[in-house]
Amino acid sequence: MGPNLGRRLISFLHLADPARLADWKVFTNALEKALSLGGRRLANLDPGYVARERLVLATGKNFPYRIYLDQGIYGDLTLVFGQGSWQPLPGATRITPGGSSRRCWDRCAKNTSGNSRR
């Protein structure tokens, strides 16, 4: 995708059903294709969800540690929350659980249950 790749996290005000994660990924795959230029992908959209204890991303790539969801889409348990911080799992999609990303995931996870972490 090029050397000047940027990352943006987007969250939504209303909670969505995590059971629809495969549908979200199928939709974003179509959107990526529509946004391509000359067959070159200009956006990489990775839908997922944050719960109090986990961050799960959707992917079309199968690996032994990913769970099949539906429509050729797998769930990647990317980060887990434990002992007061977000921890990556070995082999999962590489995301650095720090800085502004961590604060965003903390806020999203807190809003999923209305309870704050201790």
C-alpha atoms as a PDB file:
ATOM      1  CA  MET A   1       0.000   0.000   0.000  1.00  0.00           C
ATOM      2  CA  GLY A   2       3.004   2.283   0.007  1.00  0.00           C
ATOM      3  CA  PRO A   3       5.503   3.880   2.390  1.00  0.00           C
ATOM      4  CA  ASN A   4       3.197   6.690   3.582  1.00  0.00           C
ATOM      5  CA  LEU A   5       0.565   4.455   5.079  1.00  0.00           C
ATOM      6  CA  GLY A   6      -1.551   6.076   7.773  1.00  0.00           C
ATOM      7  CA  ARG A   7      -3.842   4.497  10.345  1.00  0.00           C
ATOM      8  CA  ARG A   8      -7.179   5.743  11.577  1.00  0.00           C
ATOM      9  CA  LEU A   9      -9.435   4.229  14.204  1.00  0.00           C
ATOM     10  CA  ILE A  10     -13.116   4.917  13.835  1.00  0.00           C
ATOM     11  CA  SER A  11     -15.732   4.002  16.387  1.00  0.00           C
ATOM     12  CA  PHE A  12     -19.470   4.410  16.330  1.00  0.00           C
ATOM     13  CA  LEU A  13     -21.785   5.805  18.969  1.00  0.00           C
ATOM     14  CA  HIS A  14     -24.217   2.897  18.894  1.00  0.00           C
ATOM     15  CA  LEU A  15     -23.198  -0.629  19.711  1.00  0.00           C
ATOM     16  CA  ALA A  16     -23.444  -3.214  16.945  1.00  0.00           C
ATOM     17  CA  ASP A  17     -23.917  -6.951  17.131  1.00  0.00           C
ATOM     18  CA  PRO A  18     -20.518  -8.705  16.947  1.00  0.00           C
ATOM     19  CA  ALA A  19     -22.262 -11.651  15.270  1.00  0.00           C
ATOM     20  CA  ARG A  20     -22.386  -9.461  12.130  1.00  0.00           C
ATOM     21  CA  LEU A  21     -18.593  -9.102  11.923  1.00  0.00           C
ATOM     22  CA  ALA A  22     -18.373 -11.258   8.780  1.00  0.00           C
ATOM     23  CA  ASP A  23     -21.021  -9.072   7.100  1.00  0.00           C
ATOM     24  CA  TRP A  24     -19.024  -5.953   7.983  1.00  0.00           C
ATOM     25  CA  LYS A  25     -15.883  -7.413   6.426  1.00  0.00           C
ATOM     26  CA  VAL A  26     -17.687  -8.446   3.236  1.00  0.00           C
ATOM     27  CA  PHE A  27     -19.018  -4.872   2.993  1.00  0.00           C
ATOM     28  CA  THR A  28     -15.587  -3.282   3.596  1.00  0.00           C
ATOM     29  CA  ASN A  29     -13.990  -5.633   1.030  1.00  0.00           C
ATOM     30  CA  ALA A  30     -16.467  -4.332  -1.561  1.00  0.00           C
ATOM     31  CA  LEU A  31     -15.772  -0.758  -0.458  1.00  0.00           C
ATOM     32  CA  GLU A  32     -11.996  -1.299  -0.783  1.00  0.00           C
ATOM     33  CA  LYS A  33     -12.542  -2.577  -4.318  1.00  0.00           C
ATOM     34  CA  ALA A  34     -14.747   0.423  -5.206  1.00  0.00           C
ATOM     35  CA  LEU A  35     -12.059   2.778  -3.853  1.00  0.00           C
ATOM     36  CA  SER A  36      -9.247   1.127  -5.814  1.00  0.00           C
ATOM     37  CA  LEU A  37      -7.525   2.849  -8.696  1.00  0.00           C
ATOM     38  CA  GLY A  38      -6.283   0.834 -11.647  1.00  0.00           C
ATOM     39  CA  GLY A  39      -6.605  -2.360  -9.633  1.00  0.00           C
ATOM     40  CA  ARG A  40      -4.457  -0.896  -6.836  1.00  0.00           C
ATOM     41  CA  ARG A  41      -6.067  -0.808  -3.416  1.00  0.00           C
ATOM     42  CA  LEU A  42      -5.969   2.650  -1.868  1.00  0.00           C
ATOM     43  CA  ALA A  43      -7.619   1.758   1.439  1.00  0.00           C
ATOM     44  CA  ASN A  44      -7.346  -1.175   3.808  1.00  0.00           C
ATOM     45  CA  LEU A  45     -10.454  -1.361   5.971  1.00  0.00           C
ATOM     46  CA  ASP A  46     -10.357  -3.779   8.890  1.00  0.00           C
ATOM     47  CA  PRO A  47     -13.645  -3.885  10.786  1.00  0.00           C
ATOM     48  CA  GLY A  48     -13.684  -5.294  14.255  1.00  0.00           C
ATOM     49  CA  TYR A  49     -15.145  -4.876  17.676  1.00  0.00           C
ATOM     50  CA  VAL A  50     -13.918  -4.014  21.135  1.00  0.00           C
ATOM     51  CA  ALA A  51     -15.310  -5.637  24.251  1.00  0.00           C
ATOM     52  CA  ARG A  52     -14.112  -5.179  27.816  1.00  0.00           C
ATOM     53  CA  GLU A  53     -11.710  -8.102  27.454  1.00  0.00           C
ATOM     54  CA  ARG A  54     -10.819  -8.288  23.765  1.00  0.00           C
ATOM     55  CA  LEU A  55     -10.245  -6.606  20.405  1.00  0.00           C
ATOM     56  CA  VAL A  56     -11.309  -8.779  17.460  1.00  0.00           C
ATOM     57  CA  LEU A  57     -10.601  -7.904  13.817  1.00  0.00           C
ATOM     58  CA  ALA A  58     -12.104  -9.548  10.735  1.00  0.00           C
ATOM     59  CA  THR A  59      -9.872 -10.983   8.036  1.00  0.00           C
ATOM     60  CA  GLY A  60     -10.156 -13.120   4.938  1.00  0.00           C
ATOM     61  CA  LYS A  61      -6.935 -14.962   5.738  1.00  0.00           C
ATOM     62  CA  ASN A  62      -7.107 -18.277   7.561  1.00  0.00           C
ATOM     63  CA  PHE A  63      -4.494 -19.269  10.130  1.00  0.00           C
ATOM     64  CA  PRO A  64      -4.690 -21.908  12.881  1.00  0.00           C
ATOM     65  CA  TYR A  65      -5.367 -19.324  15.603  1.00  0.00           C
ATOM     66  CA  ARG A  66      -8.251 -17.631  13.742  1.00  0.00           C
ATOM     67  CA  ILE A  67     -11.865 -18.684  14.074  1.00  0.00           C
ATOM     68  CA  TYR A  68     -14.078 -19.112  11.028  1.00  0.00           C
ATOM     69  CA  LEU A  69     -17.098 -16.794  11.162  1.00  0.00           C
ATOM     70  CA  ASP A  70     -18.986 -16.936   7.848  1.00  0.00           C
ATOM     71  CA  GLN A  71     -18.677 -16.101   4.128  1.00  0.00           C
ATOM     72  CA  GLY A  72     -14.929 -16.868   4.046  1.00  0.00           C
ATOM     73  CA  ILE A  73     -14.237 -14.453   6.917  1.00  0.00           C
ATOM     74  CA  TYR A  74     -12.280 -15.242  10.087  1.00  0.00           C
ATOM     75  CA  GLY A  75     -12.117 -13.576  13.492  1.00  0.00           C
ATOM     76  CA  ASP A  76      -8.633 -12.581  14.659  1.00  0.00           C
ATOM     77  CA  LEU A  77      -8.406 -12.225  18.440  1.00  0.00           C
ATOM     78  CA  THR A  78      -5.888  -9.400  18.191  1.00  0.00           C
ATOM     79  CA  LEU A  79      -5.594  -8.044  21.733  1.00  0.00           C
ATOM     80  CA  VAL A  80      -6.807  -9.128  25.146  1.00  0.00           C
ATOM     81  CA  PHE A  81      -7.181  -6.942  28.206  1.00  0.00           C
ATOM     82  CA  GLY A  82      -5.583  -8.311  31.336  1.00  0.00           C
ATOM     83  CA  GLN A  83      -3.617  -7.104  34.328  1.00  0.00           C
ATOM     84  CA  GLY A  84      -4.529  -3.505  33.556  1.00  0.00           C
ATOM     85  CA  SER A  85      -3.377  -3.289  29.938  1.00  0.00           C
ATOM     86  CA  TRP A  86      -3.966  -4.465  26.373  1.00  0.00           C
ATOM     87  CA  GLN A  87      -1.757  -7.407  25.413  1.00  0.00           C
ATOM     88  CA  PRO A  88      -1.120  -8.715  21.884  1.00  0.00           C
ATOM     89  CA  LEU A  89      -1.433 -12.436  21.302  1.00  0.00           C
ATOM     90  CA  PRO A  90       1.414 -14.336  19.621  1.00  0.00           C
ATOM     91  CA  GLY A  91       0.743 -14.614  15.895  1.00  0.00           C
ATOM     92  CA  ALA A  92      -2.215 -12.225  15.894  1.00  0.00           C
ATOM     93  CA  THR A  93      -2.415  -9.191  13.641  1.00  0.00           C
ATOM     94  CA  ARG A  94       0.329  -6.796  14.722  1.00  0.00           C
ATOM     95  CA  ILE A  95      -1.149  -3.787  16.476  1.00  0.00           C
ATOM     96  CA  THR A  96       0.782  -1.777  19.016  1.00  0.00           C
ATOM     97  CA  PRO A  97      -1.475  -1.469  22.077  1.00  0.00           C
ATOM     98  CA  GLY A  98      -0.257   1.935  23.190  1.00  0.00           C
ATOM     99  CA  GLY A  99      -0.745   5.658  22.949  1.00  0.00           C
ATOM    100  CA  SER A 100      -3.881   7.073  21.393  1.00  0.00           C
ATOM    101  CA  SER A 101      -4.965   3.643  20.116  1.00  0.00           C
ATOM    102  CA  ARG A 102      -5.025   2.252  23.627  1.00  0.00           C
ATOM    103  CA  ARG A 103      -7.027   5.215  24.911  1.00  0.00           C
ATOM    104  CA  CYS A 104      -9.544   4.735  22.097  1.00  0.00           C
ATOM    105  CA  TRP A 105      -9.921   0.994  22.817  1.00  0.00           C
ATOM    106  CA  ASP A 106     -10.252   1.718  26.533  1.00  0.00           C
ATOM    107  CA  ARG A 107     -13.086   4.193  25.895  1.00  0.00           C
ATOM    108  CA  CYS A 108     -14.850   1.836  23.496  1.00  0.00           C
ATOM    109  CA  ALA A 109     -14.511  -1.142  25.831  1.00  0.00           C
ATOM    110  CA  LYS A 110     -15.758   0.894  28.771  1.00  0.00           C
ATOM    111  CA  ASN A 111     -18.841   1.903  26.796  1.00  0.00           C
ATOM    112  CA  THR A 112     -19.743  -1.689  25.924  1.00  0.00           C
ATOM    113  CA  SER A 113     -20.896  -2.428  29.446  1.00  0.00           C
ATOM    114  CA  GLY A 114     -21.182   0.894  31.232  1.00  0.00           C
ATOM    115  CA  ASN A 115     -18.697  -0.358  33.818  1.00  0.00           C
ATOM    116  CA  SER A 116     -15.215   1.071  34.165  1.00  0.00           C
ATOM    117  CA  ARG A 117     -12.158  -1.105  34.617  1.00  0.00           C
ATOM    118  CA  ARG A 118     -10.488  -1.265  37.985  1.00  0.00           C
END
